[in-house]
PDB file of N, CA and C in Angstrom:
ATOM      1  N   MET A   1     -43.351 -12.458 -15.581  1.00  0.00           N
ATOM      2  CA  MET A   1     -42.360 -12.686 -16.616  1.00  0.00           C
ATOM      3  C   MET A   1     -41.640 -11.371 -16.901  1.00  0.00           C
ATOM      4  N   GLY A   2     -40.320 -11.406 -16.981  1.00  0.00           N
ATOM      5  CA  GLY A   2     -39.514 -10.215 -17.227  1.00  0.00           C
ATOM      6  C   GLY A   2     -39.540  -9.794 -18.684  1.00  0.00           C
ATOM      7  N   VAL A   3     -39.108  -8.594 -18.905  1.00  0.00           N
ATOM      8  CA  VAL A   3     -39.035  -8.045 -20.254  1.00  0.00           C
ATOM      9  C   VAL A   3     -37.610  -8.192 -20.760  1.00  0.00           C
ATOM     10  N   THR A   4     -37.467  -8.646 -21.981  1.00  0.00           N
ATOM     11  CA  THR A   4     -36.156  -8.788 -22.603  1.00  0.00           C
ATOM     12  C   THR A   4     -36.006  -7.723 -23.670  1.00  0.00           C
ATOM     13  N   ALA A   5     -34.846  -7.108 -23.695  1.00  0.00           N
ATOM     14  CA  ALA A   5     -34.572  -6.092 -24.716  1.00  0.00           C
ATOM     15  C   ALA A   5     -33.204  -6.359 -25.316  1.00  0.00           C
ATOM     16  N   ALA A   6     -33.065  -6.071 -26.583  1.00  0.00           N
ATOM     17  CA  ALA A   6     -31.773  -6.212 -27.264  1.00  0.00           C
ATOM     18  C   ALA A   6     -31.395  -4.852 -27.831  1.00  0.00           C
ATOM     19  N   PHE A   7     -30.166  -4.444 -27.579  1.00  0.00           N
ATOM     20  CA  PHE A   7     -29.682  -3.161 -28.076  1.00  0.00           C
ATOM     21  C   PHE A   7     -28.534  -3.402 -29.033  1.00  0.00           C
ATOM     22  N   PHE A   8     -28.544  -2.693 -30.140  1.00  0.00           N
ATOM     23  CA  PHE A   8     -27.493  -2.811 -31.134  1.00  0.00           C
ATOM     24  C   PHE A   8     -26.932  -1.426 -31.419  1.00  0.00           C
ATOM     25  N   ASP A   9     -25.722  -1.385 -31.872  1.00  0.00           N
ATOM     26  CA  ASP A   9     -25.073  -0.126 -32.237  1.00  0.00           C
ATOM     27  C   ASP A   9     -25.004   0.830 -31.055  1.00  0.00           C
ATOM     28  N   LEU A  10     -24.514   0.330 -29.950  1.00  0.00           N
ATOM     29  CA  LEU A  10     -24.378   1.153 -28.754  1.00  0.00           C
ATOM     30  C   LEU A  10     -23.370   2.278 -28.944  1.00  0.00           C
ATOM     31  N   ASP A  11     -22.176   1.918 -29.390  1.00  0.00           N
ATOM     32  CA  ASP A  11     -21.052   2.857 -29.442  1.00  0.00           C
ATOM     33  C   ASP A  11     -21.342   4.088 -30.286  1.00  0.00           C
ATOM     34  N   GLY A  12     -21.474   5.219 -29.614  1.00  0.00           N
ATOM     35  CA  GLY A  12     -21.646   6.477 -30.313  1.00  0.00           C
ATOM     36  C   GLY A  12     -23.051   6.748 -30.818  1.00  0.00           C
ATOM     37  N   THR A  13     -23.916   5.752 -30.799  1.00  0.00           N
ATOM     38  CA  THR A  13     -25.285   5.948 -31.273  1.00  0.00           C
ATOM     39  C   THR A  13     -26.248   6.009 -30.092  1.00  0.00           C
ATOM     40  N   LEU A  14     -26.334   4.930 -29.338  1.00  0.00           N
ATOM     41  CA  LEU A  14     -27.221   4.911 -28.175  1.00  0.00           C
ATOM     42  C   LEU A  14     -26.539   5.432 -26.918  1.00  0.00           C
ATOM     43  N   CYS A  15     -25.226   5.422 -26.909  1.00  0.00           N
ATOM     44  CA  CYS A  15     -24.483   5.939 -25.759  1.00  0.00           C
ATOM     45  C   CYS A  15     -23.191   6.592 -26.243  1.00  0.00           C
ATOM     46  N   THR A  16     -22.600   7.367 -25.378  1.00  0.00           N
ATOM     47  CA  THR A  16     -21.374   8.073 -25.760  1.00  0.00           C
ATOM     48  C   THR A  16     -20.120   7.261 -25.477  1.00  0.00           C
ATOM     49  N   GLU A  17     -20.225   6.221 -24.675  1.00  0.00           N
ATOM     50  CA  GLU A  17     -19.081   5.363 -24.353  1.00  0.00           C
ATOM     51  C   GLU A  17     -18.918   4.311 -25.436  1.00  0.00           C
ATOM     52  N   HIS A  18     -17.719   3.789 -25.556  1.00  0.00           N
ATOM     53  CA  HIS A  18     -17.427   2.704 -26.490  1.00  0.00           C
ATOM     54  C   HIS A  18     -17.142   1.444 -25.684  1.00  0.00           C
ATOM     55  N   VAL A  19     -17.710   0.328 -26.099  1.00  0.00           N
ATOM     56  CA  VAL A  19     -17.563  -0.926 -25.363  1.00  0.00           C
ATOM     57  C   VAL A  19     -16.095  -1.316 -25.254  1.00  0.00           C
ATOM     58  N   TRP A  20     -15.344  -1.223 -26.349  1.00  0.00           N
ATOM     59  CA  TRP A  20     -13.933  -1.610 -26.303  1.00  0.00           C
ATOM     60  C   TRP A  20     -13.178  -0.762 -25.288  1.00  0.00           C
ATOM     61  N   ARG A  21     -13.471   0.523 -25.234  1.00  0.00           N
ATOM     62  CA  ARG A  21     -12.789   1.421 -24.295  1.00  0.00           C
ATOM     63  C   ARG A  21     -13.146   1.050 -22.859  1.00  0.00           C
ATOM     64  N   ALA A  22     -14.403   0.704 -22.620  1.00  0.00           N
ATOM     65  CA  ALA A  22     -14.842   0.318 -21.279  1.00  0.00           C
ATOM     66  C   ALA A  22     -14.157  -0.972 -20.832  1.00  0.00           C
ATOM     67  N   ILE A  23     -14.023  -1.935 -21.733  1.00  0.00           N
ATOM     68  CA  ILE A  23     -13.347  -3.193 -21.389  1.00  0.00           C
ATOM     69  C   ILE A  23     -11.885  -2.921 -21.051  1.00  0.00           C
ATOM     70  N   ILE A  24     -11.240  -2.063 -21.805  1.00  0.00           N
ATOM     71  CA  ILE A  24      -9.846  -1.715 -21.525  1.00  0.00           C
ATOM     72  C   ILE A  24      -9.738  -1.020 -20.171  1.00  0.00           C
ATOM     73  N   ARG A  25     -10.654  -0.115 -19.872  1.00  0.00           N
ATOM     74  CA  ARG A  25     -10.635   0.564 -18.571  1.00  0.00           C
ATOM     75  C   ARG A  25     -10.788  -0.439 -17.432  1.00  0.00           C
ATOM     76  N   TYR A  26     -11.634  -1.428 -17.619  1.00  0.00           N
ATOM     77  CA  TYR A  26     -11.827  -2.468 -16.607  1.00  0.00           C
ATOM     78  C   TYR A  26     -10.508  -3.178 -16.329  1.00  0.00           C
ATOM     79  N   HIS A  27      -9.844  -3.630 -17.385  1.00  0.00           N
ATOM     80  CA  HIS A  27      -8.583  -4.354 -17.208  1.00  0.00           C
ATOM     81  C   HIS A  27      -7.495  -3.456 -16.627  1.00  0.00           C
ATOM     82  N   ARG A  28      -7.416  -2.225 -17.089  1.00  0.00           N
ATOM     83  CA  ARG A  28      -6.384  -1.311 -16.590  1.00  0.00           C
ATOM     84  C   ARG A  28      -6.602  -0.998 -15.113  1.00  0.00           C
ATOM     85  N   ALA A  29      -7.829  -0.824 -14.692  1.00  0.00           N
ATOM     86  CA  ALA A  29      -8.124  -0.531 -13.288  1.00  0.00           C
ATOM     87  C   ALA A  29      -7.712  -1.686 -12.384  1.00  0.00           C
ATOM     88  N   ARG A  30      -7.736  -2.883 -12.922  1.00  0.00           N
ATOM     89  CA  ARG A  30      -7.381  -4.081 -12.150  1.00  0.00           C
ATOM     90  C   ARG A  30      -5.960  -4.564 -12.430  1.00  0.00           C
ATOM     91  N   ARG A  31      -5.272  -3.845 -13.298  1.00  0.00           N
ATOM     92  CA  ARG A  31      -3.896  -4.187 -13.675  1.00  0.00           C
ATOM     93  C   ARG A  31      -3.794  -5.633 -14.166  1.00  0.00           C
ATOM     94  N   GLN A  32      -4.700  -6.000 -15.029  1.00  0.00           N
ATOM     95  CA  GLN A  32      -4.688  -7.347 -15.596  1.00  0.00           C
ATOM     96  C   GLN A  32      -4.664  -7.268 -17.113  1.00  0.00           C
ATOM     97  N   LYS A  33      -4.172  -8.317 -17.717  1.00  0.00           N
ATOM     98  CA  LYS A  33      -4.084  -8.432 -19.181  1.00  0.00           C
ATOM     99  C   LYS A  33      -3.320  -7.259 -19.797  1.00  0.00           C
ATOM    100  N   ARG A  34      -2.278  -6.798 -19.109  1.00  0.00           N
ATOM    101  CA  ARG A  34      -1.525  -5.625 -19.562  1.00  0.00           C
ATOM    102  C   ARG A  34      -0.939  -5.801 -20.956  1.00  0.00           C
ATOM    103  N   ALA A  35      -0.307  -6.933 -21.202  1.00  0.00           N
ATOM    104  CA  ALA A  35       0.321  -7.157 -22.514  1.00  0.00           C
ATOM    105  C   ALA A  35      -0.737  -7.214 -23.613  1.00  0.00           C
ATOM    106  N   ILE A  36      -1.848  -7.859 -23.324  1.00  0.00           N
ATOM    107  CA  ILE A  36      -2.920  -7.973 -24.311  1.00  0.00           C
ATOM    108  C   ILE A  36      -3.537  -6.601 -24.592  1.00  0.00           C
ATOM    109  N   VAL A  37      -3.776  -5.829 -23.546  1.00  0.00           N
ATOM    110  CA  VAL A  37      -4.332  -4.481 -23.730  1.00  0.00           C
ATOM    111  C   VAL A  37      -3.379  -3.641 -24.571  1.00  0.00           C
ATOM    112  N   PHE A  38      -2.088  -3.712 -24.266  1.00  0.00           N
ATOM    113  CA  PHE A  38      -1.099  -2.954 -25.035  1.00  0.00           C
ATOM    114  C   PHE A  38      -1.110  -3.391 -26.500  1.00  0.00           C
ATOM    115  N   ALA A  39      -1.096  -4.703 -26.735  1.00  0.00           N
ATOM    116  CA  ALA A  39      -1.084  -5.220 -28.110  1.00  0.00           C
ATOM    117  C   ALA A  39      -2.349  -4.797 -28.860  1.00  0.00           C
ATOM    118  N   TYR A  40      -3.483  -4.868 -28.184  1.00  0.00           N
ATOM    119  CA  TYR A  40      -4.749  -4.474 -28.810  1.00  0.00           C
ATOM    120  C   TYR A  40      -4.711  -3.001 -29.218  1.00  0.00           C
ATOM    121  N   LEU A  41      -4.320  -2.150 -28.294  1.00  0.00           N
ATOM    122  CA  LEU A  41      -4.284  -0.714 -28.589  1.00  0.00           C
ATOM    123  C   LEU A  41      -3.225  -0.370 -29.626  1.00  0.00           C
ATOM    124  N   ALA A  42      -2.027  -0.887 -29.452  1.00  0.00           N
ATOM    125  CA  ALA A  42      -0.939  -0.566 -30.387  1.00  0.00           C
ATOM    126  C   ALA A  42      -1.246  -1.081 -31.788  1.00  0.00           C
ATOM    127  N   GLY A  43      -1.722  -2.302 -31.866  1.00  0.00           N
ATOM    128  CA  GLY A  43      -2.018  -2.888 -33.167  1.00  0.00           C
ATOM    129  C   GLY A  43      -3.108  -2.158 -33.925  1.00  0.00           C
ATOM    130  N   HIS A  44      -4.121  -1.715 -33.208  1.00  0.00           N
ATOM    131  CA  HIS A  44      -5.238  -1.051 -33.871  1.00  0.00           C
ATOM    132  C   HIS A  44      -4.986   0.433 -34.098  1.00  0.00           C
ATOM    133  N   MET A  45      -4.260   1.062 -33.196  1.00  0.00           N
ATOM    134  CA  MET A  45      -3.916   2.474 -33.416  1.00  0.00           C
ATOM    135  C   MET A  45      -2.947   2.613 -34.590  1.00  0.00           C
ATOM    136  N   ALA A  46      -2.169   1.573 -34.849  1.00  0.00           N
ATOM    137  CA  ALA A  46      -1.252   1.601 -35.992  1.00  0.00           C
ATOM    138  C   ALA A  46      -2.021   1.677 -37.317  1.00  0.00           C
ATOM    139  N   LEU A  47      -3.272   1.243 -37.306  1.00  0.00           N
ATOM    140  CA  LEU A  47      -4.106   1.309 -38.510  1.00  0.00           C
ATOM    141  C   LEU A  47      -4.682   2.703 -38.743  1.00  0.00           C
ATOM    142  N   TRP A  48      -4.662   3.543 -37.726  1.00  0.00           N
ATOM    143  CA  TRP A  48      -5.278   4.867 -37.809  1.00  0.00           C
ATOM    144  C   TRP A  48      -4.763   5.697 -38.984  1.00  0.00           C
ATOM    145  N   PRO A  49      -3.440   5.821 -39.183  1.00  0.00           N
ATOM    146  CA  PRO A  49      -2.974   6.625 -40.328  1.00  0.00           C
ATOM    147  C   PRO A  49      -3.467   6.090 -41.675  1.00  0.00           C
ATOM    148  N   LEU A  50      -3.511   4.773 -41.815  1.00  0.00           N
ATOM    149  CA  LEU A  50      -4.004   4.188 -43.067  1.00  0.00           C
ATOM    150  C   LEU A  50      -5.475   4.533 -43.288  1.00  0.00           C
ATOM    151  N   TYR A  51      -6.234   4.467 -42.232  1.00  0.00           N
ATOM    152  CA  TYR A  51      -7.653   4.822 -42.306  1.00  0.00           C
ATOM    153  C   TYR A  51      -7.814   6.297 -42.667  1.00  0.00           C
ATOM    154  N   ARG A  52      -7.067   7.163 -42.005  1.00  0.00           N
ATOM    155  CA  ARG A  52      -7.174   8.605 -42.252  1.00  0.00           C
ATOM    156  C   ARG A  52      -6.755   8.989 -43.675  1.00  0.00           C
ATOM    157  N   MET A  53      -5.789   8.260 -44.230  1.00  0.00           N
ATOM    158  CA  MET A  53      -5.330   8.542 -45.597  1.00  0.00           C
ATOM    159  C   MET A  53      -6.259   7.950 -46.651  1.00  0.00           C
ATOM    160  N   GLY A  54      -7.192   7.094 -46.219  1.00  0.00           N
ATOM    161  CA  GLY A  54      -8.111   6.470 -47.159  1.00  0.00           C
ATOM    162  C   GLY A  54      -7.597   5.158 -47.720  1.00  0.00           C
ATOM    163  N   ALA A  55      -6.447   4.694 -47.224  1.00  0.00           N
ATOM    164  CA  ALA A  55      -5.886   3.430 -47.692  1.00  0.00           C
ATOM    165  C   ALA A  55      -6.587   2.230 -47.052  1.00  0.00           C
ATOM    166  N   LEU A  56      -7.329   2.484 -45.986  1.00  0.00           N
ATOM    167  CA  LEU A  56      -8.076   1.438 -45.292  1.00  0.00           C
ATOM    168  C   LEU A  56      -9.501   1.960 -45.119  1.00  0.00           C
ATOM    169  N   SER A  57     -10.468   1.178 -45.555  1.00  0.00           N
ATOM    170  CA  SER A  57     -11.863   1.628 -45.479  1.00  0.00           C
ATOM    171  C   SER A  57     -12.326   1.716 -44.026  1.00  0.00           C
ATOM    172  N   LYS A  58     -13.337   2.523 -43.813  1.00  0.00           N
ATOM    173  CA  LYS A  58     -13.922   2.667 -42.479  1.00  0.00           C
ATOM    174  C   LYS A  58     -14.415   1.315 -41.972  1.00  0.00           C
ATOM    175  N   GLU A  59     -15.055   0.566 -42.861  1.00  0.00           N
ATOM    176  CA  GLU A  59     -15.575  -0.753 -42.478  1.00  0.00           C
ATOM    177  C   GLU A  59     -14.460  -1.673 -42.009  1.00  0.00           C
ATOM    178  N   ARG A  60     -13.373  -1.749 -42.747  1.00  0.00           N
ATOM    179  CA  ARG A  60     -12.263  -2.635 -42.366  1.00  0.00           C
ATOM    180  C   ARG A  60     -11.586  -2.164 -41.086  1.00  0.00           C
ATOM    181  N   PHE A  61     -11.470  -0.845 -40.930  1.00  0.00           N
ATOM    182  CA  PHE A  61     -10.857  -0.282 -39.728  1.00  0.00           C
ATOM    183  C   PHE A  61     -11.664  -0.668 -38.492  1.00  0.00           C
ATOM    184  N   TYR A  62     -12.963  -0.417 -38.520  1.00  0.00           N
ATOM    185  CA  TYR A  62     -13.808  -0.728 -37.370  1.00  0.00           C
ATOM    186  C   TYR A  62     -14.007  -2.230 -37.185  1.00  0.00           C
ATOM    187  N   ARG A  63     -14.029  -2.957 -38.267  1.00  0.00           N
ATOM    188  CA  ARG A  63     -14.181  -4.410 -38.168  1.00  0.00           C
ATOM    189  C   ARG A  63     -13.008  -5.026 -37.406  1.00  0.00           C
ATOM    190  N   ALA A  64     -11.801  -4.527 -37.648  1.00  0.00           N
ATOM    191  CA  ALA A  64     -10.617  -5.041 -36.947  1.00  0.00           C
ATOM    192  C   ALA A  64     -10.745  -4.810 -35.440  1.00  0.00           C
ATOM    193  N   TRP A  65     -11.185  -3.626 -35.040  1.00  0.00           N
ATOM    194  CA  TRP A  65     -11.368  -3.335 -33.612  1.00  0.00           C
ATOM    195  C   TRP A  65     -12.381  -4.306 -33.001  1.00  0.00           C
ATOM    196  N   ALA A  66     -13.498  -4.515 -33.672  1.00  0.00           N
ATOM    197  CA  ALA A  66     -14.549  -5.392 -33.154  1.00  0.00           C
ATOM    198  C   ALA A  66     -14.117  -6.855 -33.161  1.00  0.00           C
ATOM    199  N   ARG A  67     -13.514  -7.287 -34.262  1.00  0.00           N
ATOM    200  CA  ARG A  67     -13.097  -8.682 -34.404  1.00  0.00           C
ATOM    201  C   ARG A  67     -12.141  -9.092 -33.290  1.00  0.00           C
ATOM    202  N   ASP A  68     -11.231  -8.201 -32.948  1.00  0.00           N
ATOM    203  CA  ASP A  68     -10.182  -8.554 -32.000  1.00  0.00           C
ATOM    204  C   ASP A  68     -10.539  -8.280 -30.542  1.00  0.00           C
ATOM    205  N   LEU A  69     -11.761  -7.848 -30.280  1.00  0.00           N
ATOM    206  CA  LEU A  69     -12.199  -7.675 -28.887  1.00  0.00           C
ATOM    207  C   LEU A  69     -12.057  -8.967 -28.088  1.00  0.00           C
ATOM    208  N   VAL A  70     -12.139 -10.082 -28.767  1.00  0.00           N
ATOM    209  CA  VAL A  70     -12.019 -11.376 -28.100  1.00  0.00           C
ATOM    210  C   VAL A  70     -10.674 -11.493 -27.374  1.00  0.00           C
ATOM    211  N   TRP A  71      -9.642 -10.799 -27.859  1.00  0.00           N
ATOM    212  CA  TRP A  71      -8.339 -10.813 -27.174  1.00  0.00           C
ATOM    213  C   TRP A  71      -8.493 -10.369 -25.722  1.00  0.00           C
ATOM    214  N   LEU A  72      -9.355  -9.385 -25.501  1.00  0.00           N
ATOM    215  CA  LEU A  72      -9.505  -8.795 -24.174  1.00  0.00           C
ATOM    216  C   LEU A  72     -10.329  -9.657 -23.227  1.00  0.00           C
ATOM    217  N   MET A  73     -10.937 -10.713 -23.771  1.00  0.00           N
ATOM    218  CA  MET A  73     -11.762 -11.581 -22.944  1.00  0.00           C
ATOM    219  C   MET A  73     -11.265 -13.020 -22.911  1.00  0.00           C
ATOM    220  N   ALA A  74     -10.277 -13.319 -23.728  1.00  0.00           N
ATOM    221  CA  ALA A  74      -9.755 -14.689 -23.799  1.00  0.00           C
ATOM    222  C   ALA A  74      -9.241 -15.127 -22.434  1.00  0.00           C
ATOM    223  N   GLY A  75      -9.580 -16.354 -22.075  1.00  0.00           N
ATOM    224  CA  GLY A  75      -9.091 -16.930 -20.833  1.00  0.00           C
ATOM    225  C   GLY A  75      -9.916 -16.612 -19.600  1.00  0.00           C
ATOM    226  N   LEU A  76     -10.920 -15.767 -19.732  1.00  0.00           N
ATOM    227  CA  LEU A  76     -11.760 -15.456 -18.577  1.00  0.00           C
ATOM    228  C   LEU A  76     -12.708 -16.620 -18.299  1.00  0.00           C
ATOM    229  N   THR A  77     -12.944 -16.884 -17.038  1.00  0.00           N
ATOM    230  CA  THR A  77     -13.964 -17.867 -16.685  1.00  0.00           C
ATOM    231  C   THR A  77     -15.330 -17.227 -16.926  1.00  0.00           C
ATOM    232  N   ALA A  78     -16.368 -18.035 -16.882  1.00  0.00           N
ATOM    233  CA  ALA A  78     -17.722 -17.498 -17.057  1.00  0.00           C
ATOM    234  C   ALA A  78     -18.022 -16.460 -15.975  1.00  0.00           C
ATOM    235  N   GLN A  79     -17.602 -16.729 -14.763  1.00  0.00           N
ATOM    236  CA  GLN A  79     -17.836 -15.794 -13.657  1.00  0.00           C
ATOM    237  C   GLN A  79     -17.063 -14.491 -13.867  1.00  0.00           C
ATOM    238  N   GLU A  80     -15.816 -14.575 -14.305  1.00  0.00           N
ATOM    239  CA  GLU A  80     -15.011 -13.375 -14.566  1.00  0.00           C
ATOM    240  C   GLU A  80     -15.609 -12.547 -15.703  1.00  0.00           C
ATOM    241  N   ALA A  81     -16.078 -13.235 -16.745  1.00  0.00           N
ATOM    242  CA  ALA A  81     -16.704 -12.528 -17.869  1.00  0.00           C
ATOM    243  C   ALA A  81     -17.986 -11.837 -17.419  1.00  0.00           C
ATOM    244  N   GLN A  82     -18.766 -12.518 -16.602  1.00  0.00           N
ATOM    245  CA  GLN A  82     -19.999 -11.926 -16.066  1.00  0.00           C
ATOM    246  C   GLN A  82     -19.677 -10.671 -15.265  1.00  0.00           C
ATOM    247  N   GLU A  83     -18.640 -10.734 -14.441  1.00  0.00           N
ATOM    248  CA  GLU A  83     -18.224  -9.582 -13.637  1.00  0.00           C
ATOM    249  C   GLU A  83     -17.775  -8.426 -14.538  1.00  0.00           C
ATOM    250  N   LEU A  84     -16.979  -8.746 -15.554  1.00  0.00           N
ATOM    251  CA  LEU A  84     -16.502  -7.729 -16.491  1.00  0.00           C
ATOM    252  C   LEU A  84     -17.681  -7.031 -17.168  1.00  0.00           C
ATOM    253  N   PHE A  85     -18.586  -7.798 -17.741  1.00  0.00           N
ATOM    254  CA  PHE A  85     -19.698  -7.200 -18.481  1.00  0.00           C
ATOM    255  C   PHE A  85     -20.675  -6.464 -17.569  1.00  0.00           C
ATOM    256  N   ARG A  86     -20.849  -6.955 -16.367  1.00  0.00           N
ATOM    257  CA  ARG A  86     -21.709  -6.236 -15.419  1.00  0.00           C
ATOM    258  C   ARG A  86     -21.094  -4.865 -15.117  1.00  0.00           C
ATOM    259  N   TRP A  87     -19.770  -4.824 -14.895  1.00  0.00           N
ATOM    260  CA  TRP A  87     -19.082  -3.560 -14.631  1.00  0.00           C
ATOM    261  C   TRP A  87     -19.173  -2.642 -15.844  1.00  0.00           C
ATOM    262  N   VAL A  88     -18.923  -3.185 -17.027  1.00  0.00           N
ATOM    263  CA  VAL A  88     -18.970  -2.377 -18.253  1.00  0.00           C
ATOM    264  C   VAL A  88     -20.344  -1.722 -18.406  1.00  0.00           C
ATOM    265  N   VAL A  89     -21.398  -2.487 -18.235  1.00  0.00           N
ATOM    266  CA  VAL A  89     -22.754  -1.944 -18.388  1.00  0.00           C
ATOM    267  C   VAL A  89     -23.082  -0.962 -17.266  1.00  0.00           C
ATOM    268  N   ASP A  90     -22.863  -1.377 -16.019  1.00  0.00           N
ATOM    269  CA  ASP A  90     -23.259  -0.544 -14.879  1.00  0.00           C
ATOM    270  C   ASP A  90     -22.433   0.729 -14.740  1.00  0.00           C
ATOM    271  N   GLU A  91     -21.134   0.624 -14.964  1.00  0.00           N
ATOM    272  CA  GLU A  91     -20.237   1.751 -14.700  1.00  0.00           C
ATOM    273  C   GLU A  91     -19.959   2.636 -15.909  1.00  0.00           C
ATOM    274  N   ARG A  92     -20.032   2.085 -17.106  1.00  0.00           N
ATOM    275  CA  ARG A  92     -19.622   2.861 -18.280  1.00  0.00           C
ATOM    276  C   ARG A  92     -20.741   3.056 -19.308  1.00  0.00           C
ATOM    277  N   ILE A  93     -21.461   1.994 -19.642  1.00  0.00           N
ATOM    278  CA  ILE A  93     -22.453   2.085 -20.720  1.00  0.00           C
ATOM    279  C   ILE A  93     -23.740   2.763 -20.243  1.00  0.00           C
ATOM    280  N   ALA A  94     -24.368   2.225 -19.210  1.00  0.00           N
ATOM    281  CA  ALA A  94     -25.646   2.787 -18.744  1.00  0.00           C
ATOM    282  C   ALA A  94     -25.553   4.279 -18.415  1.00  0.00           C
ATOM    283  N   PRO A  95     -24.509   4.734 -17.717  1.00  0.00           N
ATOM    284  CA  PRO A  95     -24.434   6.174 -17.429  1.00  0.00           C
ATOM    285  C   PRO A  95     -24.238   7.043 -18.675  1.00  0.00           C
ATOM    286  N   SER A  96     -23.839   6.428 -19.773  1.00  0.00           N
ATOM    287  CA  SER A  96     -23.561   7.228 -20.974  1.00  0.00           C
ATOM    288  C   SER A  96     -24.667   7.153 -22.031  1.00  0.00           C
ATOM    289  N   PHE A  97     -25.806   6.528 -21.686  1.00  0.00           N
ATOM    290  CA  PHE A  97     -26.916   6.490 -22.648  1.00  0.00           C
ATOM    291  C   PHE A  97     -27.338   7.906 -23.013  1.00  0.00           C
ATOM    292  N   ARG A  98     -27.620   8.097 -24.277  1.00  0.00           N
ATOM    293  CA  ARG A  98     -28.038   9.409 -24.788  1.00  0.00           C
ATOM    294  C   ARG A  98     -29.560   9.524 -24.684  1.00  0.00           C
ATOM    295  N   PRO A  99     -30.063  10.386 -23.819  1.00  0.00           N
ATOM    296  CA  PRO A  99     -31.520  10.509 -23.657  1.00  0.00           C
ATOM    297  C   PRO A  99     -32.228  10.989 -24.921  1.00  0.00           C
ATOM    298  N   ASP A 100     -31.518  11.675 -25.789  1.00  0.00           N
ATOM    299  CA  ASP A 100     -32.150  12.181 -27.013  1.00  0.00           C
ATOM    300  C   ASP A 100     -32.461  11.088 -28.027  1.00  0.00           C
ATOM    301  N   VAL A 101     -31.887   9.889 -27.852  1.00  0.00           N
ATOM    302  CA  VAL A 101     -32.162   8.798 -28.794  1.00  0.00           C
ATOM    303  C   VAL A 101     -32.871   7.610 -28.144  1.00  0.00           C
ATOM    304  N   LEU A 102     -33.061   7.645 -26.850  1.00  0.00           N
ATOM    305  CA  LEU A 102     -33.749   6.537 -26.169  1.00  0.00           C
ATOM    306  C   LEU A 102     -35.180   6.886 -25.854  1.00  0.00           C
TER     307      LEU A 102
END
């Protein structure tokens, strides 16, 4: 019987890579979902000044980034999603695990 593990709070805590950034890199490398990637980045980066000025809480700022990650995966088949997440873990997340916290 295999061992199952669940990891939470990967971004910046257990690893140095960010999941959203890895998903964007995947799409950009394949030149797919260009309009969606642009909209995701532009829409969320537009919130940065509000966050920095204190007009938008840290929780709301980060929640928007997480909530809208679905944009980057919408329309993928189960096989395409599996390929995306396998690449994200193998190529970006696993190599960036922080040995000092694992």
